[in-house]
């Protein structure tokens, strides 16, 4: 819509909740020393960019955030996701289902179905 963004919260305790973000008026600061008051309406959102792991192959990205709600499914996807950033310090990972039975810490599995890689003859 022109005046409202309809969105759904993806993480946290309000996950799945639909919200509406209205355009708000922003005014120039009083100490700007302008002979007029400028008012502009805009959405209070910050621009970001998202890529799927498959689309990011071959890209170099200075700030990388990796969101893994499930275990990584395709062979090589975890490597591609982790190797997109320019440094370890600028790469952040959120693993929401990161427990493996019998192990302490946060993990994700790189799931590979070996049956698919075997030749099938009919």
N, C-alpha and C. Protein backbone atom coordinates (compact mmCIF):
# COMPACT_ATOMS: atom_id res chain seq x y z
N UNK A 1 0.84 -1.18 0.00
CA UNK A 1 0.00 0.00 0.00
C UNK A 1 0.89 1.25 0.00
N UNK A 2 0.31 2.39 -0.29
CA UNK A 2 1.07 3.63 -0.35
C UNK A 2 1.46 4.17 1.02
N UNK A 3 0.66 3.88 2.05
CA UNK A 3 0.88 4.51 3.35
C UNK A 3 1.27 3.53 4.45
N UNK A 4 1.24 2.23 4.16
CA UNK A 4 1.51 1.20 5.18
C UNK A 4 2.26 0.04 4.54
N UNK A 5 3.23 -0.52 5.27
CA UNK A 5 3.89 -1.76 4.85
C UNK A 5 3.33 -2.88 5.72
N UNK A 6 2.79 -3.91 5.09
CA UNK A 6 2.32 -5.08 5.82
C UNK A 6 3.48 -6.07 5.86
N UNK A 7 3.84 -6.53 7.06
CA UNK A 7 4.98 -7.42 7.22
C UNK A 7 4.65 -8.52 8.22
N UNK A 8 5.49 -9.54 8.24
CA UNK A 8 5.35 -10.63 9.21
C UNK A 8 6.66 -10.78 9.94
N UNK A 9 6.60 -10.85 11.26
CA UNK A 9 7.79 -11.02 12.08
C UNK A 9 8.29 -12.45 11.91
N UNK A 10 9.58 -12.59 11.59
CA UNK A 10 10.12 -13.90 11.24
C UNK A 10 10.79 -14.63 12.39
N UNK A 11 11.28 -13.90 13.41
CA UNK A 11 11.98 -14.56 14.51
C UNK A 11 11.54 -13.96 15.84
N UNK A 12 11.96 -14.60 16.92
CA UNK A 12 11.67 -14.08 18.26
C UNK A 12 10.34 -14.57 18.81
N UNK A 13 9.96 -14.02 19.95
CA UNK A 13 8.75 -14.49 20.62
C UNK A 13 7.47 -14.06 19.90
N UNK A 14 7.55 -13.10 18.99
CA UNK A 14 6.38 -12.66 18.21
C UNK A 14 6.38 -13.24 16.80
N UNK A 15 7.14 -14.30 16.57
CA UNK A 15 7.25 -14.92 15.26
C UNK A 15 5.87 -15.25 14.70
N UNK A 16 5.66 -14.90 13.43
CA UNK A 16 4.39 -15.19 12.77
C UNK A 16 3.35 -14.10 12.91
N UNK A 17 3.61 -13.09 13.73
CA UNK A 17 2.66 -12.00 13.93
C UNK A 17 2.71 -11.05 12.74
N UNK A 18 1.54 -10.68 12.22
CA UNK A 18 1.45 -9.70 11.14
C UNK A 18 1.46 -8.31 11.76
N UNK A 19 2.27 -7.42 11.19
CA UNK A 19 2.36 -6.05 11.68
C UNK A 19 2.20 -5.08 10.52
N UNK A 20 1.82 -3.86 10.83
CA UNK A 20 1.69 -2.80 9.84
C UNK A 20 2.61 -1.66 10.23
N UNK A 21 3.49 -1.27 9.32
CA UNK A 21 4.44 -0.20 9.58
C UNK A 21 3.98 1.03 8.81
N UNK A 22 3.54 2.09 9.52
CA UNK A 22 3.03 3.28 8.83
C UNK A 22 4.16 4.23 8.43
N UNK A 23 3.87 5.07 7.45
CA UNK A 23 4.79 6.17 7.12
C UNK A 23 4.69 7.19 8.23
N UNK A 24 5.82 7.75 8.63
CA UNK A 24 5.81 8.74 9.71
C UNK A 24 6.42 10.05 9.22
N UNK A 25 5.94 11.18 9.75
CA UNK A 25 6.52 12.46 9.34
C UNK A 25 7.86 12.71 10.03
N UNK A 26 8.85 13.09 9.27
CA UNK A 26 10.16 13.44 9.80
C UNK A 26 10.37 14.93 9.54
N UNK A 27 10.74 15.66 10.59
CA UNK A 27 10.93 17.11 10.49
C UNK A 27 12.41 17.44 10.62
N UNK A 28 12.80 18.56 10.03
CA UNK A 28 14.18 19.02 10.19
C UNK A 28 14.40 19.40 11.65
N UNK A 29 15.62 19.25 12.11
CA UNK A 29 15.94 19.58 13.50
C UNK A 29 15.84 21.09 13.71
N UNK A 30 15.51 21.49 14.93
CA UNK A 30 15.36 22.91 15.24
C UNK A 30 16.70 23.65 15.12
N UNK A 31 17.80 22.94 15.36
CA UNK A 31 19.11 23.60 15.29
C UNK A 31 19.69 23.60 13.87
N UNK A 32 18.90 23.23 12.86
CA UNK A 32 19.37 23.22 11.48
C UNK A 32 19.52 24.63 10.92
N UNK A 33 18.90 25.62 11.57
CA UNK A 33 18.98 27.03 11.18
C UNK A 33 18.54 27.26 9.74
N UNK A 34 17.44 26.64 9.39
CA UNK A 34 16.84 26.86 8.08
C UNK A 34 15.69 27.86 8.23
N UNK A 35 15.41 28.66 7.20
CA UNK A 35 14.31 29.62 7.29
C UNK A 35 12.93 28.96 7.13
N UNK A 36 12.91 27.66 7.01
CA UNK A 36 11.64 26.94 6.85
C UNK A 36 11.73 25.61 7.58
N UNK A 37 10.58 24.99 7.78
CA UNK A 37 10.54 23.65 8.39
C UNK A 37 10.24 22.65 7.29
N UNK A 38 11.12 21.69 7.10
CA UNK A 38 10.92 20.68 6.08
C UNK A 38 10.33 19.43 6.73
N UNK A 39 9.22 18.95 6.19
CA UNK A 39 8.58 17.73 6.69
C UNK A 39 8.53 16.73 5.53
N UNK A 40 8.95 15.53 5.83
CA UNK A 40 8.93 14.48 4.82
C UNK A 40 8.37 13.22 5.47
N UNK A 41 7.47 12.53 4.78
CA UNK A 41 6.94 11.27 5.30
C UNK A 41 7.72 10.11 4.69
N UNK A 42 8.14 9.19 5.55
CA UNK A 42 8.81 8.00 5.04
C UNK A 42 8.61 6.84 6.00
N UNK A 43 8.87 5.64 5.51
CA UNK A 43 8.75 4.44 6.33
C UNK A 43 9.98 4.32 7.22
N UNK A 44 9.81 3.98 8.50
CA UNK A 44 10.96 3.83 9.41
C UNK A 44 11.62 2.46 9.26
N UNK A 45 12.16 2.20 8.08
CA UNK A 45 12.82 0.92 7.82
C UNK A 45 14.21 1.19 7.27
N UNK A 46 15.08 0.22 7.42
CA UNK A 46 16.45 0.32 6.95
C UNK A 46 16.63 -0.61 5.76
N UNK A 47 17.29 -0.15 4.75
CA UNK A 47 17.51 -0.93 3.55
C UNK A 47 18.49 -2.06 3.82
N UNK A 48 18.18 -3.24 3.32
CA UNK A 48 19.11 -4.36 3.38
C UNK A 48 18.99 -5.16 2.10
N UNK A 49 19.85 -6.11 1.93
CA UNK A 49 19.88 -6.91 0.72
C UNK A 49 19.98 -8.37 1.12
N UNK A 50 19.22 -9.21 0.48
CA UNK A 50 19.25 -10.63 0.81
C UNK A 50 19.47 -11.45 -0.45
N UNK A 51 20.23 -12.52 -0.31
CA UNK A 51 20.48 -13.46 -1.39
C UNK A 51 20.25 -14.86 -0.85
N UNK A 52 19.79 -15.74 -1.70
CA UNK A 52 19.80 -17.14 -1.30
C UNK A 52 21.23 -17.65 -1.41
N UNK A 53 21.53 -18.74 -0.76
CA UNK A 53 22.88 -19.29 -0.82
C UNK A 53 23.24 -19.63 -2.27
N UNK A 54 22.29 -20.18 -3.02
CA UNK A 54 22.57 -20.57 -4.40
C UNK A 54 22.91 -19.36 -5.27
N UNK A 55 22.24 -18.23 -5.04
CA UNK A 55 22.49 -17.03 -5.85
C UNK A 55 23.77 -16.31 -5.44
N UNK A 56 24.30 -16.61 -4.26
CA UNK A 56 25.47 -15.88 -3.77
C UNK A 56 26.79 -16.44 -4.28
N UNK A 57 26.76 -17.59 -4.94
CA UNK A 57 28.01 -18.20 -5.39
C UNK A 57 28.73 -17.26 -6.34
N UNK A 58 30.01 -17.02 -6.09
CA UNK A 58 30.81 -16.12 -6.91
C UNK A 58 30.79 -14.69 -6.43
N UNK A 59 29.98 -14.35 -5.42
CA UNK A 59 29.90 -13.00 -4.88
C UNK A 59 30.89 -12.84 -3.72
N UNK A 60 31.40 -11.65 -3.54
CA UNK A 60 32.17 -11.29 -2.35
C UNK A 60 31.42 -10.17 -1.67
N UNK A 61 31.05 -10.38 -0.41
CA UNK A 61 30.19 -9.44 0.30
C UNK A 61 30.88 -9.04 1.60
N UNK A 62 31.03 -7.73 1.88
CA UNK A 62 31.77 -7.31 3.07
C UNK A 62 31.09 -7.65 4.40
N UNK A 63 29.78 -7.53 4.49
CA UNK A 63 29.04 -7.85 5.71
C UNK A 63 28.08 -8.99 5.39
N UNK A 64 28.27 -10.14 6.03
CA UNK A 64 27.45 -11.31 5.73
C UNK A 64 26.72 -11.77 6.98
N UNK A 65 25.42 -11.98 6.87
CA UNK A 65 24.62 -12.59 7.92
C UNK A 65 23.99 -13.84 7.34
N UNK A 66 24.19 -14.95 7.98
CA UNK A 66 23.67 -16.23 7.49
C UNK A 66 22.60 -16.70 8.45
N UNK A 67 21.38 -16.87 7.95
CA UNK A 67 20.24 -17.32 8.76
C UNK A 67 19.94 -18.76 8.38
N UNK A 68 20.13 -19.67 9.34
CA UNK A 68 19.90 -21.10 9.09
C UNK A 68 18.79 -21.61 10.01
N UNK A 69 17.52 -21.50 9.58
CA UNK A 69 16.43 -22.00 10.41
C UNK A 69 16.37 -23.53 10.44
N UNK A 70 16.96 -24.18 9.44
CA UNK A 70 17.02 -25.65 9.38
C UNK A 70 18.45 -26.03 9.01
N UNK A 71 18.71 -27.32 9.07
CA UNK A 71 20.02 -27.81 8.66
C UNK A 71 20.22 -27.55 7.16
N UNK A 72 21.46 -27.35 6.75
CA UNK A 72 21.77 -27.08 5.35
C UNK A 72 21.49 -28.33 4.55
N UNK A 73 20.76 -28.18 3.44
CA UNK A 73 20.28 -29.36 2.72
C UNK A 73 21.19 -29.80 1.58
N UNK A 74 21.66 -28.88 0.80
CA UNK A 74 22.36 -29.25 -0.42
C UNK A 74 23.87 -29.30 -0.22
N UNK A 75 24.51 -30.23 -0.87
CA UNK A 75 25.96 -30.41 -0.75
C UNK A 75 26.68 -29.14 -1.20
N UNK A 76 27.55 -28.61 -0.36
CA UNK A 76 28.35 -27.45 -0.71
C UNK A 76 27.73 -26.12 -0.32
N UNK A 77 26.44 -26.08 0.06
CA UNK A 77 25.79 -24.81 0.39
C UNK A 77 26.42 -24.15 1.61
N UNK A 78 26.75 -24.91 2.62
CA UNK A 78 27.34 -24.33 3.83
C UNK A 78 28.69 -23.70 3.51
N UNK A 79 29.49 -24.36 2.70
CA UNK A 79 30.78 -23.80 2.30
C UNK A 79 30.59 -22.49 1.53
N UNK A 80 29.65 -22.49 0.58
CA UNK A 80 29.40 -21.29 -0.23
C UNK A 80 28.96 -20.14 0.67
N UNK A 81 28.05 -20.41 1.60
CA UNK A 81 27.55 -19.36 2.49
C UNK A 81 28.66 -18.79 3.35
N UNK A 82 29.49 -19.64 3.92
CA UNK A 82 30.54 -19.19 4.82
C UNK A 82 31.69 -18.49 4.09
N UNK A 83 31.89 -18.82 2.82
CA UNK A 83 33.03 -18.25 2.10
C UNK A 83 32.69 -16.97 1.34
N UNK A 84 31.48 -16.43 1.49
CA UNK A 84 31.10 -15.20 0.79
C UNK A 84 31.69 -13.96 1.44
N UNK A 85 31.88 -14.00 2.74
CA UNK A 85 32.36 -12.82 3.47
C UNK A 85 33.83 -12.55 3.25
N UNK A 86 34.23 -11.31 3.51
CA UNK A 86 35.64 -10.94 3.34
C UNK A 86 36.46 -11.24 4.60
N UNK A 87 35.78 -11.41 5.76
CA UNK A 87 36.51 -11.75 6.98
C UNK A 87 35.59 -12.49 7.94
N UNK A 88 36.21 -13.22 8.84
CA UNK A 88 35.46 -13.97 9.84
C UNK A 88 34.74 -13.02 10.79
N UNK A 89 35.36 -11.90 11.08
CA UNK A 89 34.79 -10.92 12.01
C UNK A 89 33.51 -10.29 11.47
N UNK A 90 33.39 -10.19 10.14
CA UNK A 90 32.23 -9.54 9.53
C UNK A 90 31.18 -10.54 9.08
N UNK A 91 31.30 -11.79 9.49
CA UNK A 91 30.33 -12.84 9.14
C UNK A 91 29.62 -13.28 10.40
N UNK A 92 28.30 -13.15 10.42
CA UNK A 92 27.48 -13.55 11.56
C UNK A 92 26.55 -14.68 11.13
N UNK A 93 26.34 -15.64 12.02
CA UNK A 93 25.51 -16.80 11.71
C UNK A 93 24.45 -16.95 12.79
N UNK A 94 23.19 -17.14 12.37
CA UNK A 94 22.10 -17.43 13.30
C UNK A 94 21.57 -18.82 12.98
N UNK A 95 21.78 -19.76 13.89
CA UNK A 95 21.30 -21.13 13.75
C UNK A 95 20.18 -21.31 14.75
N UNK A 96 18.93 -21.48 14.27
CA UNK A 96 17.79 -21.54 15.19
C UNK A 96 17.52 -22.94 15.71
N UNK A 97 17.87 -23.96 14.97
CA UNK A 97 17.66 -25.34 15.41
C UNK A 97 19.02 -26.02 15.46
N UNK A 98 19.90 -25.56 16.35
CA UNK A 98 21.29 -25.95 16.31
C UNK A 98 21.75 -26.96 17.32
N UNK A 99 20.87 -27.87 17.69
CA UNK A 99 21.33 -28.88 18.65
C UNK A 99 21.42 -30.24 17.96
N UNK A 100 22.44 -30.98 18.35
CA UNK A 100 22.62 -32.35 17.88
C UNK A 100 22.69 -33.21 19.13
N UNK A 101 21.89 -34.27 19.13
CA UNK A 101 21.79 -35.13 20.31
C UNK A 101 23.16 -35.66 20.71
N UNK A 102 23.49 -35.49 21.99
CA UNK A 102 24.75 -35.99 22.53
C UNK A 102 25.93 -35.05 22.39
N UNK A 103 25.71 -33.85 21.84
CA UNK A 103 26.81 -32.89 21.68
C UNK A 103 26.42 -31.56 22.29
N UNK A 104 27.39 -30.92 22.95
CA UNK A 104 27.18 -29.59 23.52
C UNK A 104 27.60 -28.54 22.50
N UNK A 105 26.86 -27.43 22.44
CA UNK A 105 27.19 -26.34 21.53
C UNK A 105 26.11 -26.14 20.49
N UNK A 106 26.39 -25.27 19.56
CA UNK A 106 25.45 -24.97 18.47
C UNK A 106 26.01 -25.56 17.19
N UNK A 107 25.20 -26.33 16.47
CA UNK A 107 25.64 -27.03 15.28
C UNK A 107 24.62 -26.88 14.16
N UNK A 108 25.06 -27.13 12.95
CA UNK A 108 24.16 -27.35 11.83
C UNK A 108 24.72 -28.51 11.04
N UNK A 109 23.86 -29.31 10.51
CA UNK A 109 24.30 -30.47 9.72
C UNK A 109 24.36 -30.05 8.26
N UNK A 110 25.33 -30.57 7.55
CA UNK A 110 25.40 -30.41 6.11
C UNK A 110 24.81 -31.69 5.53
N UNK A 111 23.50 -31.70 5.34
CA UNK A 111 22.77 -32.91 4.96
C UNK A 111 23.08 -33.27 3.51
N UNK A 112 23.54 -34.50 3.29
CA UNK A 112 23.78 -35.00 1.95
C UNK A 112 23.12 -36.37 1.86
N UNK A 113 22.25 -36.55 0.87
CA UNK A 113 21.62 -37.85 0.64
C UNK A 113 22.48 -38.61 -0.36
N UNK A 114 23.29 -39.53 0.14
CA UNK A 114 24.24 -40.25 -0.70
C UNK A 114 23.54 -41.13 -1.73
N UNK A 115 22.30 -41.54 -1.44
CA UNK A 115 21.56 -42.38 -2.38
C UNK A 115 21.36 -41.67 -3.72
N UNK A 116 21.23 -40.35 -3.67
CA UNK A 116 21.01 -39.58 -4.89
C UNK A 116 22.26 -39.57 -5.76
N UNK A 117 23.42 -39.68 -5.13
CA UNK A 117 24.68 -39.62 -5.86
C UNK A 117 25.05 -40.97 -6.49
N UNK A 118 24.40 -42.06 -6.05
CA UNK A 118 24.70 -43.38 -6.60
C UNK A 118 24.03 -43.55 -7.95
N UNK A 119 24.69 -44.22 -8.89
CA UNK A 119 24.05 -44.46 -10.21
C UNK A 119 22.91 -45.46 -10.06
N UNK A 120 21.83 -45.17 -10.73
CA UNK A 120 20.65 -46.05 -10.72
C UNK A 120 20.47 -46.63 -12.12
N UNK A 121 20.36 -47.93 -12.18
CA UNK A 121 20.14 -48.60 -13.45
C UNK A 121 18.78 -49.25 -13.42
N UNK A 122 18.02 -49.09 -14.49
CA UNK A 122 16.67 -49.70 -14.55
C UNK A 122 16.66 -50.89 -15.45
